[in-house]
Amino acid sequence: MTCTKQKIIEAAICLFNTKGYHGTSVRDIASEAGVNVANISYYFAGKKGLLEHLVTSFLEGYISTIAEAFEMRHILSPKEVMFLVVHDILHYQSSHRSLTRFVYRELSLDSILIREIMTTYLQREKYYLKHIIETGREQGVFARIPFAVFMSQLKGMLSAPYLYPQYISEVLYERPSDEYFTKMYGKEVEKWLNTMLEGNHSPVTQVLHL
């Protein structure tokens, strides 16, 4: 990747996070990156192409992370594979914090691009995780939890620090970008995951799963 292209990407992520995609112009990006406006058209065919590049490149890495952990199913138990998947996702997101925040915000919108991405990438995520869950059930090591509920809760936990960083910092007085918070949060996600997979739900949780 050329230096100019990388500068454009970094500037776009910064501005899209602070001003929003629609509130950011091509000239804003060029100015922030310190490059000529024409470079954005050259590398990305405009702002829309830049948006597609950011989202798809993030999800390519995201799905590759899951796929690599999924390949360990031949030597690890279903529970170990699931824990590895979640651990690697958390690490991947933390390593691409600003881009993760932007992509999750975009995924909350309804657009043709997002619908295509759901089909192309997130259906693959569903396939991997559903396979792990079904294997665990067949082996008798996982509780029979509703997969849709499990995925909704898991996705919510994985995305929350990036969708609500202001809430976490201004209301909960935690710093979601701190390494300590990331580690602490990861441990709590693992505790929740262990409880869900083994079916050790509290009475309140059991009611929510009816």
N, C-alpha and C. Protein backbone atom coordinates (compact mmCIF):
# COMPACT_ATOMS: atom_id res chain seq x y z
N MET A 1 0.84 -1.19 0.00
CA MET A 1 0.00 0.00 0.00
C MET A 1 0.88 1.25 0.00
N THR A 2 0.59 2.19 -0.89
CA THR A 2 1.40 3.39 -0.98
C THR A 2 1.15 4.28 0.22
N CYS A 3 2.11 5.16 0.47
CA CYS A 3 2.00 6.09 1.60
C CYS A 3 0.79 7.01 1.44
N THR A 4 0.56 7.47 0.20
CA THR A 4 -0.58 8.36 -0.06
C THR A 4 -1.90 7.66 0.22
N LYS A 5 -2.02 6.44 -0.25
CA LYS A 5 -3.25 5.67 -0.04
C LYS A 5 -3.51 5.44 1.45
N GLN A 6 -2.47 5.12 2.20
CA GLN A 6 -2.61 4.89 3.63
C GLN A 6 -3.01 6.18 4.36
N LYS A 7 -2.46 7.29 3.92
CA LYS A 7 -2.81 8.58 4.53
C LYS A 7 -4.30 8.88 4.32
N ILE A 8 -4.80 8.59 3.14
CA ILE A 8 -6.22 8.81 2.83
C ILE A 8 -7.09 7.93 3.72
N ILE A 9 -6.71 6.68 3.87
CA ILE A 9 -7.48 5.75 4.69
C ILE A 9 -7.53 6.22 6.14
N GLU A 10 -6.40 6.59 6.69
CA GLU A 10 -6.34 7.03 8.08
C GLU A 10 -7.14 8.32 8.29
N ALA A 11 -7.04 9.24 7.34
CA ALA A 11 -7.79 10.50 7.44
C ALA A 11 -9.29 10.24 7.36
N ALA A 12 -9.69 9.35 6.46
CA ALA A 12 -11.11 9.04 6.31
C ALA A 12 -11.69 8.41 7.57
N ILE A 13 -10.97 7.47 8.15
CA ILE A 13 -11.45 6.82 9.38
C ILE A 13 -11.63 7.85 10.49
N CYS A 14 -10.65 8.73 10.63
CA CYS A 14 -10.72 9.77 11.66
C CYS A 14 -11.92 10.68 11.44
N LEU A 15 -12.10 11.17 10.23
CA LEU A 15 -13.18 12.11 9.94
C LEU A 15 -14.55 11.45 9.96
N PHE A 16 -14.65 10.23 9.44
CA PHE A 16 -15.94 9.52 9.46
C PHE A 16 -16.40 9.25 10.89
N ASN A 17 -15.43 9.04 11.78
CA ASN A 17 -15.79 8.80 13.18
C ASN A 17 -16.22 10.07 13.91
N THR A 18 -15.65 11.20 13.51
CA THR A 18 -15.96 12.45 14.20
C THR A 18 -17.08 13.26 13.54
N LYS A 19 -17.11 13.24 12.21
CA LYS A 19 -18.10 14.04 11.48
C LYS A 19 -19.18 13.21 10.80
N GLY A 20 -18.98 11.89 10.76
CA GLY A 20 -19.90 11.03 10.06
C GLY A 20 -19.57 10.96 8.58
N TYR A 21 -20.01 9.90 7.93
CA TYR A 21 -19.72 9.73 6.50
C TYR A 21 -20.33 10.86 5.68
N HIS A 22 -21.60 11.16 5.90
CA HIS A 22 -22.28 12.17 5.10
C HIS A 22 -21.82 13.59 5.45
N GLY A 23 -21.28 13.76 6.64
CA GLY A 23 -20.80 15.08 7.05
C GLY A 23 -19.38 15.36 6.63
N THR A 24 -18.76 14.40 5.98
CA THR A 24 -17.37 14.54 5.54
C THR A 24 -17.30 14.62 4.02
N SER A 25 -16.61 15.62 3.53
CA SER A 25 -16.47 15.78 2.08
C SER A 25 -15.14 15.20 1.62
N VAL A 26 -15.02 15.00 0.33
CA VAL A 26 -13.77 14.52 -0.25
C VAL A 26 -12.65 15.52 0.03
N ARG A 27 -12.99 16.80 -0.03
CA ARG A 27 -11.98 17.83 0.24
C ARG A 27 -11.51 17.78 1.69
N ASP A 28 -12.45 17.47 2.61
CA ASP A 28 -12.07 17.33 4.02
C ASP A 28 -11.03 16.22 4.19
N ILE A 29 -11.28 15.11 3.52
CA ILE A 29 -10.38 13.96 3.62
C ILE A 29 -9.01 14.30 3.03
N ALA A 30 -9.03 14.92 1.87
CA ALA A 30 -7.77 15.29 1.21
C ALA A 30 -6.97 16.26 2.08
N SER A 31 -7.67 17.23 2.68
CA SER A 31 -7.00 18.20 3.53
C SER A 31 -6.40 17.54 4.76
N GLU A 32 -7.17 16.65 5.39
CA GLU A 32 -6.70 15.95 6.59
C GLU A 32 -5.50 15.07 6.26
N ALA A 33 -5.53 14.45 5.08
CA ALA A 33 -4.45 13.55 4.68
C ALA A 33 -3.25 14.29 4.10
N GLY A 34 -3.47 15.55 3.72
CA GLY A 34 -2.39 16.33 3.11
C GLY A 34 -2.06 15.86 1.72
N VAL A 35 -3.11 15.48 0.96
CA VAL A 35 -2.90 14.99 -0.40
C VAL A 35 -3.83 15.73 -1.35
N ASN A 36 -3.61 15.55 -2.63
CA ASN A 36 -4.47 16.15 -3.65
C ASN A 36 -5.80 15.40 -3.70
N VAL A 37 -6.89 16.14 -3.92
CA VAL A 37 -8.23 15.54 -3.99
C VAL A 37 -8.28 14.45 -5.06
N ALA A 38 -7.56 14.65 -6.14
CA ALA A 38 -7.57 13.69 -7.25
C ALA A 38 -7.09 12.31 -6.82
N ASN A 39 -6.28 12.25 -5.77
CA ASN A 39 -5.76 10.97 -5.30
C ASN A 39 -6.88 10.06 -4.79
N ILE A 40 -7.93 10.67 -4.24
CA ILE A 40 -9.03 9.87 -3.70
C ILE A 40 -9.78 9.20 -4.85
N SER A 41 -9.96 9.93 -5.94
CA SER A 41 -10.59 9.34 -7.12
C SER A 41 -9.70 8.27 -7.74
N TYR A 42 -8.41 8.53 -7.74
CA TYR A 42 -7.46 7.59 -8.34
C TYR A 42 -7.44 6.25 -7.60
N TYR A 43 -7.38 6.30 -6.27
CA TYR A 43 -7.25 5.09 -5.48
C TYR A 43 -8.59 4.41 -5.17
N PHE A 44 -9.65 5.22 -5.02
CA PHE A 44 -10.91 4.65 -4.52
C PHE A 44 -12.13 4.99 -5.38
N ALA A 45 -11.95 5.73 -6.45
CA ALA A 45 -13.07 6.14 -7.31
C ALA A 45 -14.10 6.96 -6.55
N GLY A 46 -13.63 7.78 -5.61
CA GLY A 46 -14.52 8.67 -4.88
C GLY A 46 -14.79 8.23 -3.45
N LYS A 47 -15.64 9.00 -2.76
CA LYS A 47 -15.92 8.75 -1.34
C LYS A 47 -16.66 7.44 -1.12
N LYS A 48 -17.59 7.11 -2.03
CA LYS A 48 -18.33 5.86 -1.89
C LYS A 48 -17.39 4.65 -2.01
N GLY A 49 -16.48 4.72 -2.94
CA GLY A 49 -15.51 3.64 -3.09
C GLY A 49 -14.61 3.51 -1.88
N LEU A 50 -14.29 4.65 -1.28
CA LEU A 50 -13.48 4.65 -0.06
C LEU A 50 -14.24 3.99 1.09
N LEU A 51 -15.53 4.30 1.19
CA LEU A 51 -16.38 3.67 2.21
C LEU A 51 -16.40 2.15 2.03
N GLU A 52 -16.61 1.70 0.80
CA GLU A 52 -16.65 0.26 0.52
C GLU A 52 -15.32 -0.40 0.87
N HIS A 53 -14.23 0.28 0.56
CA HIS A 53 -12.91 -0.26 0.85
C HIS A 53 -12.72 -0.43 2.36
N LEU A 54 -13.11 0.56 3.14
CA LEU A 54 -12.92 0.50 4.59
C LEU A 54 -13.73 -0.64 5.20
N VAL A 55 -14.99 -0.73 4.80
CA VAL A 55 -15.86 -1.75 5.38
C VAL A 55 -15.44 -3.15 4.97
N THR A 56 -15.18 -3.33 3.68
CA THR A 56 -14.84 -4.68 3.21
C THR A 56 -13.47 -5.13 3.69
N SER A 57 -12.51 -4.22 3.76
CA SER A 57 -11.18 -4.61 4.23
C SER A 57 -11.23 -5.02 5.70
N PHE A 58 -12.05 -4.30 6.49
CA PHE A 58 -12.21 -4.67 7.90
C PHE A 58 -12.83 -6.06 8.01
N LEU A 59 -13.89 -6.30 7.25
CA LEU A 59 -14.61 -7.57 7.35
C LEU A 59 -13.82 -8.73 6.75
N GLU A 60 -12.99 -8.45 5.77
CA GLU A 60 -12.12 -9.50 5.25
C GLU A 60 -11.21 -10.01 6.37
N GLY A 61 -10.62 -9.08 7.10
CA GLY A 61 -9.77 -9.46 8.21
C GLY A 61 -10.54 -10.12 9.33
N TYR A 62 -11.74 -9.61 9.58
CA TYR A 62 -12.61 -10.14 10.64
C TYR A 62 -12.96 -11.60 10.37
N ILE A 63 -13.42 -11.89 9.15
CA ILE A 63 -13.81 -13.25 8.80
C ILE A 63 -12.60 -14.16 8.74
N SER A 64 -11.46 -13.66 8.26
CA SER A 64 -10.24 -14.47 8.23
C SER A 64 -9.82 -14.86 9.64
N THR A 65 -10.01 -13.95 10.59
CA THR A 65 -9.69 -14.23 11.99
C THR A 65 -10.54 -15.38 12.51
N ILE A 66 -11.84 -15.35 12.21
CA ILE A 66 -12.74 -16.41 12.65
C ILE A 66 -12.40 -17.72 11.94
N ALA A 67 -12.14 -17.65 10.64
CA ALA A 67 -11.84 -18.84 9.86
C ALA A 67 -10.58 -19.56 10.37
N GLU A 68 -9.57 -18.79 10.75
CA GLU A 68 -8.34 -19.38 11.26
C GLU A 68 -8.59 -20.12 12.57
N ALA A 69 -9.38 -19.52 13.44
CA ALA A 69 -9.72 -20.18 14.71
C ALA A 69 -10.59 -21.40 14.45
N PHE A 70 -11.49 -21.29 13.48
CA PHE A 70 -12.39 -22.40 13.15
C PHE A 70 -11.62 -23.63 12.69
N GLU A 71 -10.51 -23.43 12.00
CA GLU A 71 -9.70 -24.54 11.51
C GLU A 71 -9.11 -25.36 12.66
N MET A 72 -9.08 -24.80 13.85
CA MET A 72 -8.54 -25.51 15.01
C MET A 72 -9.52 -26.53 15.56
N ARG A 73 -10.72 -26.63 14.96
CA ARG A 73 -11.74 -27.55 15.47
C ARG A 73 -11.31 -29.01 15.36
N HIS A 74 -10.30 -29.29 14.55
CA HIS A 74 -9.84 -30.66 14.38
C HIS A 74 -8.99 -31.13 15.56
N ILE A 75 -8.46 -30.18 16.32
CA ILE A 75 -7.59 -30.56 17.45
C ILE A 75 -8.08 -30.01 18.79
N LEU A 76 -9.08 -29.12 18.76
CA LEU A 76 -9.62 -28.54 19.99
C LEU A 76 -11.07 -28.95 20.16
N SER A 77 -11.55 -28.87 21.38
CA SER A 77 -12.95 -29.15 21.66
C SER A 77 -13.81 -27.99 21.16
N PRO A 78 -15.12 -28.20 20.95
CA PRO A 78 -15.98 -27.10 20.51
C PRO A 78 -15.91 -25.89 21.45
N LYS A 79 -15.85 -26.14 22.74
CA LYS A 79 -15.78 -25.04 23.69
C LYS A 79 -14.47 -24.27 23.54
N GLU A 80 -13.38 -24.97 23.36
CA GLU A 80 -12.08 -24.32 23.19
C GLU A 80 -12.06 -23.51 21.89
N VAL A 81 -12.67 -24.05 20.85
CA VAL A 81 -12.72 -23.33 19.58
C VAL A 81 -13.54 -22.06 19.72
N MET A 82 -14.69 -22.14 20.40
CA MET A 82 -15.54 -20.96 20.58
C MET A 82 -14.81 -19.88 21.38
N PHE A 83 -14.12 -20.29 22.43
CA PHE A 83 -13.36 -19.33 23.21
C PHE A 83 -12.25 -18.70 22.38
N LEU A 84 -11.60 -19.51 21.54
CA LEU A 84 -10.54 -18.99 20.68
C LEU A 84 -11.09 -17.98 19.69
N VAL A 85 -12.24 -18.29 19.09
CA VAL A 85 -12.88 -17.38 18.15
C VAL A 85 -13.14 -16.04 18.80
N VAL A 86 -13.78 -16.05 19.97
CA VAL A 86 -14.14 -14.80 20.64
C VAL A 86 -12.88 -14.05 21.07
N HIS A 87 -11.90 -14.75 21.58
CA HIS A 87 -10.63 -14.11 21.98
C HIS A 87 -9.98 -13.42 20.79
N ASP A 88 -9.95 -14.11 19.65
CA ASP A 88 -9.29 -13.55 18.46
C ASP A 88 -10.08 -12.37 17.88
N ILE A 89 -11.41 -12.44 17.97
CA ILE A 89 -12.22 -11.31 17.51
C ILE A 89 -11.94 -10.08 18.36
N LEU A 90 -11.92 -10.27 19.68
CA LEU A 90 -11.64 -9.14 20.58
C LEU A 90 -10.27 -8.55 20.30
N HIS A 91 -9.29 -9.40 20.04
CA HIS A 91 -7.94 -8.91 19.75
C HIS A 91 -7.92 -8.16 18.41
N TYR A 92 -8.59 -8.70 17.41
CA TYR A 92 -8.64 -8.06 16.10
C TYR A 92 -9.28 -6.68 16.19
N GLN A 93 -10.40 -6.61 16.89
CA GLN A 93 -11.10 -5.32 17.03
C GLN A 93 -10.26 -4.31 17.79
N SER A 94 -9.61 -4.77 18.85
CA SER A 94 -8.77 -3.87 19.63
C SER A 94 -7.60 -3.35 18.81
N SER A 95 -7.09 -4.17 17.92
CA SER A 95 -5.95 -3.78 17.08
C SER A 95 -6.36 -2.81 15.97
N HIS A 96 -7.66 -2.73 15.69
CA HIS A 96 -8.18 -1.83 14.66
C HIS A 96 -9.32 -1.01 15.24
N ARG A 97 -9.04 -0.40 16.37
CA ARG A 97 -10.10 0.23 17.18
C ARG A 97 -10.92 1.27 16.42
N SER A 98 -10.28 2.21 15.79
CA SER A 98 -11.00 3.29 15.11
C SER A 98 -11.81 2.77 13.93
N LEU A 99 -11.23 1.85 13.17
CA LEU A 99 -11.93 1.28 12.03
C LEU A 99 -13.10 0.42 12.51
N THR A 100 -12.91 -0.30 13.60
CA THR A 100 -13.99 -1.12 14.17
C THR A 100 -15.17 -0.26 14.55
N ARG A 101 -14.89 0.86 15.19
CA ARG A 101 -15.96 1.76 15.59
C ARG A 101 -16.76 2.25 14.39
N PHE A 102 -16.04 2.65 13.35
CA PHE A 102 -16.72 3.15 12.16
C PHE A 102 -17.55 2.07 11.48
N VAL A 103 -16.99 0.89 11.32
CA VAL A 103 -17.69 -0.20 10.62
C VAL A 103 -18.94 -0.61 11.38
N TYR A 104 -18.86 -0.73 12.69
CA TYR A 104 -20.05 -1.12 13.46
C TYR A 104 -21.17 -0.08 13.34
N ARG A 105 -20.79 1.16 13.28
CA ARG A 105 -21.80 2.20 13.09
C ARG A 105 -22.45 2.07 11.71
N GLU A 106 -21.67 1.78 10.71
CA GLU A 106 -22.20 1.61 9.36
C GLU A 106 -23.10 0.39 9.27
N LEU A 107 -22.75 -0.67 9.97
CA LEU A 107 -23.53 -1.90 9.93
C LEU A 107 -24.90 -1.74 10.57
N SER A 108 -25.06 -0.68 11.37
CA SER A 108 -26.36 -0.43 12.01
C SER A 108 -27.33 0.27 11.05
N LEU A 109 -26.84 0.68 9.88
CA LEU A 109 -27.67 1.38 8.90
C LEU A 109 -28.23 0.41 7.87
N ASP A 110 -29.30 0.83 7.21
CA ASP A 110 -29.90 0.00 6.16
C ASP A 110 -29.58 0.63 4.81
N SER A 111 -28.71 -0.03 4.06
CA SER A 111 -28.33 0.45 2.73
C SER A 111 -28.04 -0.75 1.84
N ILE A 112 -27.97 -0.51 0.54
CA ILE A 112 -27.68 -1.60 -0.39
C ILE A 112 -26.31 -2.20 -0.09
N LEU A 113 -25.34 -1.33 0.20
CA LEU A 113 -23.99 -1.80 0.51
C LEU A 113 -24.00 -2.72 1.72
N ILE A 114 -24.68 -2.30 2.77
CA ILE A 114 -24.71 -3.09 4.01
C ILE A 114 -25.45 -4.41 3.79
N ARG A 115 -26.51 -4.39 3.00
CA ARG A 115 -27.22 -5.65 2.73
C ARG A 115 -26.33 -6.63 1.97
N GLU A 116 -25.56 -6.11 1.03
CA GLU A 116 -24.64 -6.97 0.28
C GLU A 116 -23.56 -7.53 1.20
N ILE A 117 -23.10 -6.70 2.12
CA ILE A 117 -22.06 -7.13 3.05
C ILE A 117 -22.59 -8.21 3.99
N MET A 118 -23.84 -8.06 4.43
CA MET A 118 -24.45 -9.06 5.29
C MET A 118 -24.42 -10.42 4.61
N THR A 119 -24.75 -10.43 3.32
CA THR A 119 -24.79 -11.68 2.56
C THR A 119 -23.39 -12.22 2.32
N THR A 120 -22.47 -11.34 1.97
CA THR A 120 -21.13 -11.77 1.59
C THR A 120 -20.29 -12.21 2.78
N TYR A 121 -20.31 -11.43 3.86
CA TYR A 121 -19.41 -11.69 4.97
C TYR A 121 -20.09 -12.28 6.21
N LEU A 122 -21.14 -11.64 6.68
CA LEU A 122 -21.70 -12.03 7.96
C LEU A 122 -22.47 -13.34 7.91
N GLN A 123 -22.89 -13.78 6.73
CA GLN A 123 -23.44 -15.13 6.62
C GLN A 123 -22.35 -16.17 6.85
N ARG A 124 -21.14 -15.85 6.47
CA ARG A 124 -20.01 -16.75 6.71
C ARG A 124 -19.71 -16.82 8.20
N GLU A 125 -19.79 -15.69 8.89
CA GLU A 125 -19.61 -15.69 10.34
C GLU A 125 -20.66 -16.59 10.99
N LYS A 126 -21.91 -16.46 10.56
CA LYS A 126 -22.99 -17.30 11.08
C LYS A 126 -22.69 -18.78 10.85
N TYR A 127 -22.21 -19.12 9.67
CA TYR A 127 -21.91 -20.51 9.35
C TYR A 127 -20.88 -21.08 10.31
N TYR A 128 -19.78 -20.37 10.52
CA TYR A 128 -18.71 -20.85 11.39
C TYR A 128 -19.22 -21.06 12.83
N LEU A 129 -19.88 -20.05 13.37
CA LEU A 129 -20.30 -20.13 14.77
C LEU A 129 -21.42 -21.14 14.96
N LYS A 130 -22.33 -21.23 14.00
CA LYS A 130 -23.41 -22.21 14.12
C LYS A 130 -22.85 -23.63 14.06
N HIS A 131 -21.86 -23.85 13.23
CA HIS A 131 -21.22 -25.17 13.13
C HIS A 131 -20.60 -25.56 14.47
N ILE A 132 -19.93 -24.60 15.12
CA ILE A 132 -19.31 -24.87 16.42
C ILE A 132 -20.38 -25.22 17.46
N ILE A 133 -21.43 -24.44 17.49
CA ILE A 133 -22.51 -24.67 18.45
C ILE A 133 -23.16 -26.04 18.21
N GLU A 134 -23.46 -26.35 16.96
CA GLU A 134 -24.12 -27.63 16.66
C GLU A 134 -23.22 -28.82 16.98
N THR A 135 -21.92 -28.67 16.75
CA THR A 135 -20.98 -29.74 17.09
C THR A 135 -20.94 -29.96 18.60
N GLY A 136 -20.94 -28.85 19.34
CA GLY A 136 -20.95 -28.95 20.80
C GLY A 136 -22.21 -29.61 21.32
N ARG A 137 -23.35 -29.32 20.71
CA ARG A 137 -24.61 -29.95 21.10
C ARG A 137 -24.57 -31.45 20.82
N GLU A 138 -24.08 -31.81 19.63
CA GLU A 138 -24.01 -33.21 19.24
C GLU A 138 -23.13 -34.02 20.19
N GLN A 139 -22.07 -33.38 20.70
CA GLN A 139 -21.17 -34.05 21.62
C GLN A 139 -21.64 -33.99 23.07
N GLY A 140 -22.74 -33.27 23.28
CA GLY A 140 -23.31 -33.19 24.61
C GLY A 140 -22.58 -32.27 25.57
N VAL A 141 -21.77 -31.34 25.03
CA VAL A 141 -21.01 -30.44 25.89
C VAL A 141 -21.60 -29.02 25.93
N PHE A 142 -22.54 -28.72 25.01
CA PHE A 142 -23.19 -27.42 25.00
C PHE A 142 -24.66 -27.58 25.34
N ALA A 143 -25.18 -26.59 26.05
CA ALA A 143 -26.61 -26.55 26.33
C ALA A 143 -27.36 -26.21 25.04
N ARG A 144 -28.64 -26.52 25.01
CA ARG A 144 -29.45 -26.23 23.83
C ARG A 144 -29.98 -24.80 23.92
N ILE A 145 -29.11 -23.87 23.60
CA ILE A 145 -29.47 -22.46 23.64
C ILE A 145 -29.98 -22.03 22.27
N PRO A 146 -30.97 -21.12 22.22
CA PRO A 146 -31.45 -20.61 20.91
C PRO A 146 -30.31 -19.88 20.20
N PHE A 147 -29.96 -20.35 19.02
CA PHE A 147 -28.80 -19.78 18.33
C PHE A 147 -28.99 -18.30 18.03
N ALA A 148 -30.20 -17.90 17.62
CA ALA A 148 -30.45 -16.48 17.29
C ALA A 148 -30.25 -15.60 18.51
N VAL A 149 -30.69 -16.08 19.67
CA VAL A 149 -30.52 -15.31 20.91
C VAL A 149 -29.04 -15.24 21.28
N PHE A 150 -28.36 -16.37 21.17
CA PHE A 150 -26.93 -16.42 21.47
C PHE A 150 -26.15 -15.45 20.61
N MET A 151 -26.41 -15.46 19.29
CA MET A 151 -25.69 -14.58 18.39
C MET A 151 -26.01 -13.12 18.64
N SER A 152 -27.27 -12.82 18.93
CA SER A 152 -27.66 -11.43 19.20
C SER A 152 -26.94 -10.90 20.43
N GLN A 153 -26.86 -11.72 21.46
CA GLN A 153 -26.18 -11.29 22.68
C GLN A 153 -24.68 -11.19 22.48
N LEU A 154 -24.11 -12.17 21.77
CA LEU A 154 -22.67 -12.15 21.53
C LEU A 154 -22.27 -10.94 20.69
N LYS A 155 -23.01 -10.69 19.60
CA LYS A 155 -22.70 -9.54 18.75
C LYS A 155 -22.83 -8.23 19.52
N GLY A 156 -23.83 -8.18 20.40
CA GLY A 156 -24.01 -6.98 21.20
C GLY A 156 -22.83 -6.73 22.13
N MET A 157 -22.33 -7.79 22.76
CA MET A 157 -21.20 -7.65 23.66
C MET A 157 -19.92 -7.27 22.91
N LEU A 158 -19.74 -7.86 21.75
CA LEU A 158 -18.52 -7.58 20.98
C LEU A 158 -18.49 -6.16 20.42
N SER A 159 -19.65 -5.62 20.11
CA SER A 159 -19.70 -4.30 19.48
C SER A 159 -19.91 -3.14 20.46
N ALA A 160 -20.40 -3.42 21.66
CA ALA A 160 -20.77 -2.35 22.60
C ALA A 160 -19.65 -1.34 22.88
N PRO A 161 -18.40 -1.77 23.14
CA PRO A 161 -17.36 -0.78 23.44
C PRO A 161 -17.06 0.16 22.28
N TYR A 162 -17.46 -0.23 21.06
CA TYR A 162 -17.18 0.59 19.89
C TYR A 162 -18.39 1.42 19.46
N LEU A 163 -19.58 0.93 19.76
CA LEU A 163 -20.79 1.69 19.45
C LEU A 163 -21.09 2.74 20.52
N TYR A 164 -20.67 2.48 21.75
CA TYR A 164 -21.00 3.39 22.86
C TYR A 164 -19.78 3.83 23.67
N PRO A 165 -18.70 4.27 23.01
CA PRO A 165 -17.52 4.68 23.77
C PRO A 165 -17.77 5.89 24.66
N GLN A 166 -18.63 6.83 24.18
CA GLN A 166 -18.92 8.01 24.98
C GLN A 166 -19.68 7.64 26.25
N TYR A 167 -20.63 6.72 26.11
CA TYR A 167 -21.41 6.29 27.28
C TYR A 167 -20.48 5.63 28.31
N ILE A 168 -19.58 4.79 27.83
CA ILE A 168 -18.68 4.09 28.73
C ILE A 168 -17.76 5.07 29.45
N SER A 169 -17.30 6.08 28.74
CA SER A 169 -16.37 7.04 29.34
C SER A 169 -17.07 8.12 30.16
N GLU A 170 -18.19 8.66 29.66
CA GLU A 170 -18.84 9.79 30.32
C GLU A 170 -19.81 9.38 31.43
N VAL A 171 -20.40 8.20 31.32
CA VAL A 171 -21.38 7.76 32.31
C VAL A 171 -20.80 6.70 33.25
N LEU A 172 -20.07 5.76 32.68
CA LEU A 172 -19.50 4.68 33.50
C LEU A 172 -18.09 5.00 34.00
N TYR A 173 -17.52 6.08 33.51
CA TYR A 173 -16.19 6.54 33.92
C TYR A 173 -15.10 5.49 33.70
N GLU A 174 -15.21 4.79 32.59
CA GLU A 174 -14.17 3.85 32.17
C GLU A 174 -13.62 4.33 30.84
N ARG A 175 -12.42 3.91 30.54
CA ARG A 175 -11.79 4.29 29.27
C ARG A 175 -11.75 3.06 28.35
N PRO A 176 -12.68 2.98 27.40
CA PRO A 176 -12.75 1.79 26.55
C PRO A 176 -11.52 1.57 25.68
N SER A 177 -10.70 2.61 25.51
CA SER A 177 -9.50 2.46 24.69
C SER A 177 -8.30 1.98 25.50
N ASP A 178 -8.44 1.93 26.83
CA ASP A 178 -7.33 1.49 27.68
C ASP A 178 -7.14 -0.02 27.59
N GLU A 179 -5.91 -0.43 27.66
CA GLU A 179 -5.60 -1.87 27.61
C GLU A 179 -6.24 -2.60 28.79
N TYR A 180 -6.24 -1.93 29.96
CA TYR A 180 -6.82 -2.57 31.15
C TYR A 180 -8.30 -2.86 30.94
N PHE A 181 -9.04 -1.89 30.39
CA PHE A 181 -10.47 -2.10 30.16
C PHE A 181 -10.69 -3.23 29.17
N THR A 182 -9.87 -3.26 28.12
CA THR A 182 -10.02 -4.30 27.10
C THR A 182 -9.83 -5.69 27.71
N LYS A 183 -8.82 -5.84 28.56
CA LYS A 183 -8.57 -7.13 29.20
C LYS A 183 -9.71 -7.50 30.15
N MET A 184 -10.13 -6.52 30.95
CA MET A 184 -11.21 -6.75 31.90
C MET A 184 -12.49 -7.13 31.16
N TYR A 185 -12.78 -6.42 30.09
CA TYR A 185 -13.99 -6.67 29.32
C TYR A 185 -13.92 -8.06 28.69
N GLY A 186 -12.77 -8.42 28.18
CA GLY A 186 -12.60 -9.74 27.57
C GLY A 186 -12.85 -10.86 28.56
N LYS A 187 -12.40 -10.70 29.79
CA LYS A 187 -12.63 -11.72 30.82
C LYS A 187 -14.11 -11.86 31.14
N GLU A 188 -14.83 -10.73 31.16
CA GLU A 188 -16.26 -10.80 31.44
C GLU A 188 -17.03 -11.45 30.30
N VAL A 189 -16.59 -11.20 29.07
CA VAL A 189 -17.22 -11.84 27.91
C VAL A 189 -17.00 -13.36 28.01
N GLU A 190 -15.81 -13.77 28.43
CA GLU A 190 -15.52 -15.20 28.57
C GLU A 190 -16.39 -15.83 29.66
N LYS A 191 -16.62 -15.12 30.75
CA LYS A 191 -17.49 -15.64 31.81
C LYS A 191 -18.91 -15.83 31.28
N TRP A 192 -19.39 -14.83 30.55
CA TRP A 192 -20.74 -14.93 29.98
C TRP A 192 -20.82 -16.09 29.00
N LEU A 193 -19.78 -16.24 28.18
CA LEU A 193 -19.75 -17.29 27.19
C LEU A 193 -19.78 -18.66 27.86
N ASN A 194 -19.02 -18.81 28.91
CA ASN A 194 -18.98 -20.08 29.64
C ASN A 194 -20.35 -20.42 30.22
N THR A 195 -21.01 -19.41 30.77
CA THR A 195 -22.34 -19.62 31.34
C THR A 195 -23.35 -20.01 30.28
N MET A 196 -23.30 -19.34 29.15
CA MET A 196 -24.25 -19.64 28.07
C MET A 196 -24.04 -21.03 27.50
N LEU A 197 -22.81 -21.39 27.25
CA LEU A 197 -22.54 -22.67 26.61
C LEU A 197 -22.87 -23.85 27.51
N GLU A 198 -22.65 -23.67 28.83
CA GLU A 198 -22.93 -24.76 29.76
C GLU A 198 -24.37 -24.76 30.25
N GLY A 199 -25.10 -23.67 29.95
CA GLY A 199 -26.50 -23.61 30.35
C GLY A 199 -26.71 -23.29 31.81
N ASN A 200 -25.71 -22.70 32.45
CA ASN A 200 -25.84 -22.35 33.87
C ASN A 200 -26.45 -20.97 34.03
N HIS A 201 -27.70 -20.81 33.57
CA HIS A 201 -28.35 -19.50 33.60
C HIS A 201 -28.99 -19.25 34.96
N SER A 202 -28.97 -17.99 35.35
CA SER A 202 -29.70 -17.61 36.56
C SER A 202 -31.19 -17.62 36.25
N PRO A 203 -32.07 -17.60 37.27
CA PRO A 203 -33.51 -17.58 37.02
C PRO A 203 -33.94 -16.46 36.08
N VAL A 204 -33.35 -15.27 36.23
CA VAL A 204 -33.71 -14.15 35.37
C VAL A 204 -33.32 -14.45 33.93
N THR A 205 -32.09 -14.99 33.73
CA THR A 205 -31.62 -15.31 32.39
C THR A 205 -32.48 -16.39 31.76
N GLN A 206 -32.92 -17.35 32.58
CA GLN A 206 -33.77 -18.41 32.06
C GLN A 206 -35.08 -17.85 31.54
N VAL A 207 -35.65 -16.89 32.26
CA VAL A 207 -36.90 -16.26 31.82
C VAL A 207 -36.69 -15.57 30.49
N LEU A 208 -35.56 -14.89 30.33
CA LEU A 208 -35.28 -14.17 29.09
C LEU A 208 -35.12 -15.11 27.91
N HIS A 209 -34.79 -16.37 28.17
CA HIS A 209 -34.61 -17.33 27.09
C HIS A 209 -35.84 -18.14 26.77
N LEU A 210 -36.96 -17.87 27.45
CA LEU A 210 -38.19 -18.57 27.15
C LEU A 210 -38.78 -18.11 25.83
